[in-house]
C-alpha cells in the first residue's frame, strides 16, 4: 500500500520542518547562545543533527550494498562536524537541513510498504527495517525541536 509509505515520508519531512521552525524566526546572533540544548547552542545542536544525517547516508549506502552499518561514537561524530558548521546563518542551516533530508526521503518513498517493513538491514549486529532506521531520525529531530522551543519559551522568543 502506498498510503503508509507516503505517510512515513510525510512524518520524516514533518519532523524536519518542526526542527527548522523551532529556530527559523530567531536572529542569527541568538543561534550561538550557549545552553539551549544542554550546553550546546542552536548551531551546535544543528551541527550534531547534520552529522547524524551524514552518518545516515553512509549507513544507507552500506545497507544497499548488503553490508552492516555501525553506529558511530556520539562524541566523535559531533566533534568532527561542529567546527565546520557552527557559524552558518540561520538561512544556511535551514537549507542544509532540508537538503540533508532529501536522500532518505527519496529512498523511503521508492519502497513499497512490504519493503519498508522487511528487516533486511543490519545495524550494530541487529536486523532492522527501513521503518526502524527512519524512526530514529524522526525522533531525533522532534527531540531537539522540543528542546529549542522550550528554551525559546524561557527566553520569551
C-alpha atoms as a PDB file:
ATOM      1  CA  UNK A   1       0.000   0.000   0.000  1.00  0.00           C
ATOM      2  CA  UNK A   2       1.415   3.354  -0.983  1.00  0.00           C
ATOM      3  CA  UNK A   3      -0.584   5.312   1.593  1.00  0.00           C
ATOM      4  CA  UNK A   4       1.531   4.140   4.517  1.00  0.00           C
ATOM      5  CA  UNK A   5       4.773   4.841   2.664  1.00  0.00           C
ATOM      6  CA  UNK A   6       3.649   8.362   1.877  1.00  0.00           C
ATOM      7  CA  UNK A   7       2.598   8.836   5.481  1.00  0.00           C
ATOM      8  CA  UNK A   8       6.008   7.776   6.793  1.00  0.00           C
ATOM      9  CA  UNK A   9       7.705  10.016   4.247  1.00  0.00           C
ATOM     10  CA  UNK A  10       5.442  12.851   5.377  1.00  0.00           C
ATOM     11  CA  UNK A  11       6.317  12.101   9.026  1.00  0.00           C
ATOM     12  CA  UNK A  12      10.008  12.316   8.177  1.00  0.00           C
ATOM     13  CA  UNK A  13       9.574  15.627   6.371  1.00  0.00           C
ATOM     14  CA  UNK A  14       7.244  16.990   9.063  1.00  0.00           C
ATOM     15  CA  UNK A  15       9.744  16.228  11.826  1.00  0.00           C
ATOM     16  CA  UNK A  16      12.440  18.108   9.925  1.00  0.00           C
ATOM     17  CA  UNK A  17      10.147  21.077   9.341  1.00  0.00           C
ATOM     18  CA  UNK A  18       9.291  21.177  13.062  1.00  0.00           C
ATOM     19  CA  UNK A  19      13.001  21.312  13.799  1.00  0.00           C
ATOM     20  CA  UNK A  20      13.512  24.145  11.312  1.00  0.00           C
ATOM     21  CA  UNK A  21      10.525  26.086  12.653  1.00  0.00           C
ATOM     22  CA  UNK A  22      11.911  25.780  16.173  1.00  0.00           C
ATOM     23  CA  UNK A  23      14.767  28.159  15.298  1.00  0.00           C
ATOM     24  CA  UNK A  24      13.847  29.811  11.962  1.00  0.00           C
ATOM     25  CA  UNK A  25      12.367  33.028  13.362  1.00  0.00           C
ATOM     26  CA  UNK A  26      15.402  33.749  15.523  1.00  0.00           C
ATOM     27  CA  UNK A  27      18.075  36.267  14.531  1.00  0.00           C
ATOM     28  CA  UNK A  28      21.395  34.666  13.622  1.00  0.00           C
ATOM     29  CA  UNK A  29      23.199  36.062  16.683  1.00  0.00           C
ATOM     30  CA  UNK A  30      20.963  34.015  19.012  1.00  0.00           C
ATOM     31  CA  UNK A  31      21.931  30.783  17.250  1.00  0.00           C
ATOM     32  CA  UNK A  32      25.265  30.887  19.081  1.00  0.00           C
ATOM     33  CA  UNK A  33      23.825  31.380  22.596  1.00  0.00           C
ATOM     34  CA  UNK A  34      25.031  28.587  24.866  1.00  0.00           C
ATOM     35  CA  UNK A  35      22.916  26.267  27.000  1.00  0.00           C
ATOM     36  CA  UNK A  36      19.990  25.805  24.620  1.00  0.00           C
ATOM     37  CA  UNK A  37      20.280  22.023  24.249  1.00  0.00           C
ATOM     38  CA  UNK A  38      22.244  21.014  27.304  1.00  0.00           C
ATOM     39  CA  UNK A  39      25.395  23.133  26.996  1.00  0.00           C
ATOM     40  CA  UNK A  40      25.073  23.423  23.202  1.00  0.00           C
ATOM     41  CA  UNK A  41      23.997  26.438  21.213  1.00  0.00           C
ATOM     42  CA  UNK A  42      21.418  26.004  18.458  1.00  0.00           C
ATOM     43  CA  UNK A  43      24.262  25.994  15.918  1.00  0.00           C
ATOM     44  CA  UNK A  44      25.994  23.186  17.778  1.00  0.00           C
ATOM     45  CA  UNK A  45      22.744  21.226  18.008  1.00  0.00           C
ATOM     46  CA  UNK A  46      22.151  21.632  14.262  1.00  0.00           C
ATOM     47  CA  UNK A  47      25.711  20.544  13.512  1.00  0.00           C
ATOM     48  CA  UNK A  48      25.036  17.446  15.618  1.00  0.00           C
ATOM     49  CA  UNK A  49      21.877  16.695  13.630  1.00  0.00           C
ATOM     50  CA  UNK A  50      23.634  17.252  10.303  1.00  0.00           C
ATOM     51  CA  UNK A  51      26.428  14.933  11.394  1.00  0.00           C
ATOM     52  CA  UNK A  52      23.877  12.212  12.083  1.00  0.00           C
ATOM     53  CA  UNK A  53      22.290  12.891   8.671  1.00  0.00           C
ATOM     54  CA  UNK A  54      25.700  12.334   7.067  1.00  0.00           C
ATOM     55  CA  UNK A  55      26.152   9.130   9.013  1.00  0.00           C
ATOM     56  CA  UNK A  56      22.640   8.062   7.959  1.00  0.00           C
ATOM     57  CA  UNK A  57      23.613   8.430   4.310  1.00  0.00           C
ATOM     58  CA  UNK A  58      26.726   6.312   4.851  1.00  0.00           C
ATOM     59  CA  UNK A  59      24.695   3.690   6.716  1.00  0.00           C
ATOM     60  CA  UNK A  60      22.050   3.674   3.979  1.00  0.00           C
ATOM     61  CA  UNK A  61      24.779   3.111   1.399  1.00  0.00           C
ATOM     62  CA  UNK A  62      26.108   0.178   3.422  1.00  0.00           C
ATOM     63  CA  UNK A  63      22.589  -1.259   3.657  1.00  0.00           C
ATOM     64  CA  UNK A  64      22.138  -1.025  -0.092  1.00  0.00           C
ATOM     65  CA  UNK A  65      25.462  -2.823  -0.648  1.00  0.00           C
ATOM     66  CA  UNK A  66      24.364  -5.571   1.744  1.00  0.00           C
ATOM     67  CA  UNK A  67      26.908  -4.522   4.365  1.00  0.00           C
ATOM     68  CA  UNK A  68      26.461  -3.987   8.079  1.00  0.00           C
ATOM     69  CA  UNK A  69      26.356  -0.410   9.332  1.00  0.00           C
ATOM     70  CA  UNK A  70      27.819   0.519  12.689  1.00  0.00           C
ATOM     71  CA  UNK A  71      26.602   3.393  14.830  1.00  0.00           C
ATOM     72  CA  UNK A  72      29.489   5.785  15.486  1.00  0.00           C
ATOM     73  CA  UNK A  73      30.510   7.137  18.858  1.00  0.00           C
ATOM     74  CA  UNK A  74      28.350  10.199  19.595  1.00  0.00           C
ATOM     75  CA  UNK A  75      31.265  12.351  20.789  1.00  0.00           C
ATOM     76  CA  UNK A  76      33.400  11.567  17.750  1.00  0.00           C
ATOM     77  CA  UNK A  77      30.648  12.345  15.278  1.00  0.00           C
ATOM     78  CA  UNK A  78      29.878  15.669  16.978  1.00  0.00           C
ATOM     79  CA  UNK A  79      33.498  16.792  17.247  1.00  0.00           C
ATOM     80  CA  UNK A  80      34.219  16.094  13.587  1.00  0.00           C
ATOM     81  CA  UNK A  81      31.434  18.305  12.263  1.00  0.00           C
ATOM     82  CA  UNK A  82      30.736  21.041  14.797  1.00  0.00           C
ATOM     83  CA  UNK A  83      33.590  23.319  13.807  1.00  0.00           C
ATOM     84  CA  UNK A  84      32.713  23.202  10.114  1.00  0.00           C
ATOM     85  CA  UNK A  85      29.112  24.276  10.612  1.00  0.00           C
ATOM     86  CA  UNK A  86      28.994  26.146  13.867  1.00  0.00           C
ATOM     87  CA  UNK A  87      28.736  29.673  12.478  1.00  0.00           C
ATOM     88  CA  UNK A  88      26.493  29.375   9.445  1.00  0.00           C
ATOM     89  CA  UNK A  89      23.486  31.654   9.102  1.00  0.00           C
ATOM     90  CA  UNK A  90      20.012  30.513  10.057  1.00  0.00           C
ATOM     91  CA  UNK A  91      19.039  30.505   6.381  1.00  0.00           C
ATOM     92  CA  UNK A  92      22.058  28.342   5.518  1.00  0.00           C
ATOM     93  CA  UNK A  93      21.203  25.947   8.345  1.00  0.00           C
ATOM     94  CA  UNK A  94      17.642  25.641   7.044  1.00  0.00           C
ATOM     95  CA  UNK A  95      18.918  24.900   3.524  1.00  0.00           C
ATOM     96  CA  UNK A  96      21.368  22.278   4.790  1.00  0.00           C
ATOM     97  CA  UNK A  97      18.752  20.613   6.976  1.00  0.00           C
ATOM     98  CA  UNK A  98      16.243  20.379   4.120  1.00  0.00           C
ATOM     99  CA  UNK A  99      18.873  19.126   1.674  1.00  0.00           C
ATOM    100  CA  UNK A 100      20.159  16.612   4.220  1.00  0.00           C
ATOM    101  CA  UNK A 101      16.728  15.048   4.490  1.00  0.00           C
ATOM    102  CA  UNK A 102      16.088  14.621   0.735  1.00  0.00           C
ATOM    103  CA  UNK A 103      18.136  11.455   0.090  1.00  0.00           C
ATOM    104  CA  UNK A 104      16.500   9.460   2.865  1.00  0.00           C
ATOM    105  CA  UNK A 105      13.018  10.684   1.869  1.00  0.00           C
ATOM    106  CA  UNK A 106      13.664   9.601  -1.716  1.00  0.00           C
ATOM    107  CA  UNK A 107      14.986   6.222  -0.582  1.00  0.00           C
ATOM    108  CA  UNK A 108      11.969   5.601   1.601  1.00  0.00           C
ATOM    109  CA  UNK A 109       9.447   6.859  -0.960  1.00  0.00           C
ATOM    110  CA  UNK A 110      10.804   4.441  -3.573  1.00  0.00           C
ATOM    111  CA  UNK A 111       9.957   1.430  -1.374  1.00  0.00           C
ATOM    112  CA  UNK A 112       6.702  -0.432  -1.053  1.00  0.00           C
ATOM    113  CA  UNK A 113       5.231  -0.928   2.414  1.00  0.00           C
ATOM    114  CA  UNK A 114       6.423  -4.535   2.384  1.00  0.00           C
ATOM    115  CA  UNK A 115       9.976  -3.485   1.510  1.00  0.00           C
ATOM    116  CA  UNK A 116       9.996  -0.785   4.192  1.00  0.00           C
ATOM    117  CA  UNK A 117       8.816  -3.230   6.843  1.00  0.00           C
ATOM    118  CA  UNK A 118      11.183  -6.051   5.953  1.00  0.00           C
ATOM    119  CA  UNK A 119      14.058  -6.465   8.418  1.00  0.00           C
ATOM    120  CA  UNK A 120      16.732  -6.776   5.777  1.00  0.00           C
ATOM    121  CA  UNK A 121      19.378  -4.366   7.022  1.00  0.00           C
ATOM    122  CA  UNK A 122      21.998  -4.935   9.707  1.00  0.00           C
ATOM    123  CA  UNK A 123      22.864  -2.178  12.154  1.00  0.00           C
ATOM    124  CA  UNK A 124      25.121  -2.965  15.096  1.00  0.00           C
ATOM    125  CA  UNK A 125      24.549  -6.705  14.565  1.00  0.00           C
ATOM    126  CA  UNK A 126      20.764  -6.311  14.709  1.00  0.00           C
ATOM    127  CA  UNK A 127      18.345  -6.773  11.841  1.00  0.00           C
ATOM    128  CA  UNK A 128      16.252  -3.680  11.227  1.00  0.00           C
ATOM    129  CA  UNK A 129      13.775  -2.427   8.650  1.00  0.00           C
ATOM    130  CA  UNK A 130      13.862   0.861   6.755  1.00  0.00           C
ATOM    131  CA  UNK A 131      10.998   1.938   9.037  1.00  0.00           C
ATOM    132  CA  UNK A 132      13.106   1.222  12.116  1.00  0.00           C
ATOM    133  CA  UNK A 133      16.005   3.170  10.661  1.00  0.00           C
ATOM    134  CA  UNK A 134      13.903   6.183   9.725  1.00  0.00           C
ATOM    135  CA  UNK A 135      12.033   6.284  13.043  1.00  0.00           C
ATOM    136  CA  UNK A 136      15.288   7.164  14.759  1.00  0.00           C
ATOM    137  CA  UNK A 137      15.709  10.246  12.562  1.00  0.00           C
ATOM    138  CA  UNK A 138      12.128  11.347  13.195  1.00  0.00           C
ATOM    139  CA  UNK A 139      12.528  11.012  16.962  1.00  0.00           C
ATOM    140  CA  UNK A 140      15.891  12.788  16.887  1.00  0.00           C
ATOM    141  CA  UNK A 141      14.540  15.828  15.024  1.00  0.00           C
ATOM    142  CA  UNK A 142      11.496  16.066  17.289  1.00  0.00           C
ATOM    143  CA  UNK A 143      13.563  15.727  20.468  1.00  0.00           C
ATOM    144  CA  UNK A 144      15.804  18.653  19.561  1.00  0.00           C
ATOM    145  CA  UNK A 145      12.938  20.749  18.170  1.00  0.00           C
ATOM    146  CA  UNK A 146      11.202  20.423  21.560  1.00  0.00           C
ATOM    147  CA  UNK A 147      14.367  21.419  23.418  1.00  0.00           C
ATOM    148  CA  UNK A 148      14.837  24.517  21.257  1.00  0.00           C
ATOM    149  CA  UNK A 149      11.186  25.506  21.638  1.00  0.00           C
ATOM    150  CA  UNK A 150      11.410  25.063  25.420  1.00  0.00           C
ATOM    151  CA  UNK A 151      14.481  27.338  25.505  1.00  0.00           C
ATOM    152  CA  UNK A 152      12.649  29.926  23.417  1.00  0.00           C
ATOM    153  CA  UNK A 153       9.740  29.879  25.861  1.00  0.00           C
ATOM    154  CA  UNK A 154      12.044  30.530  28.795  1.00  0.00           C
ATOM    155  CA  UNK A 155      13.521  33.471  26.874  1.00  0.00           C
ATOM    156  CA  UNK A 156      10.099  34.584  25.559  1.00  0.00           C
ATOM    157  CA  UNK A 157      11.357  34.487  21.985  1.00  0.00           C
END
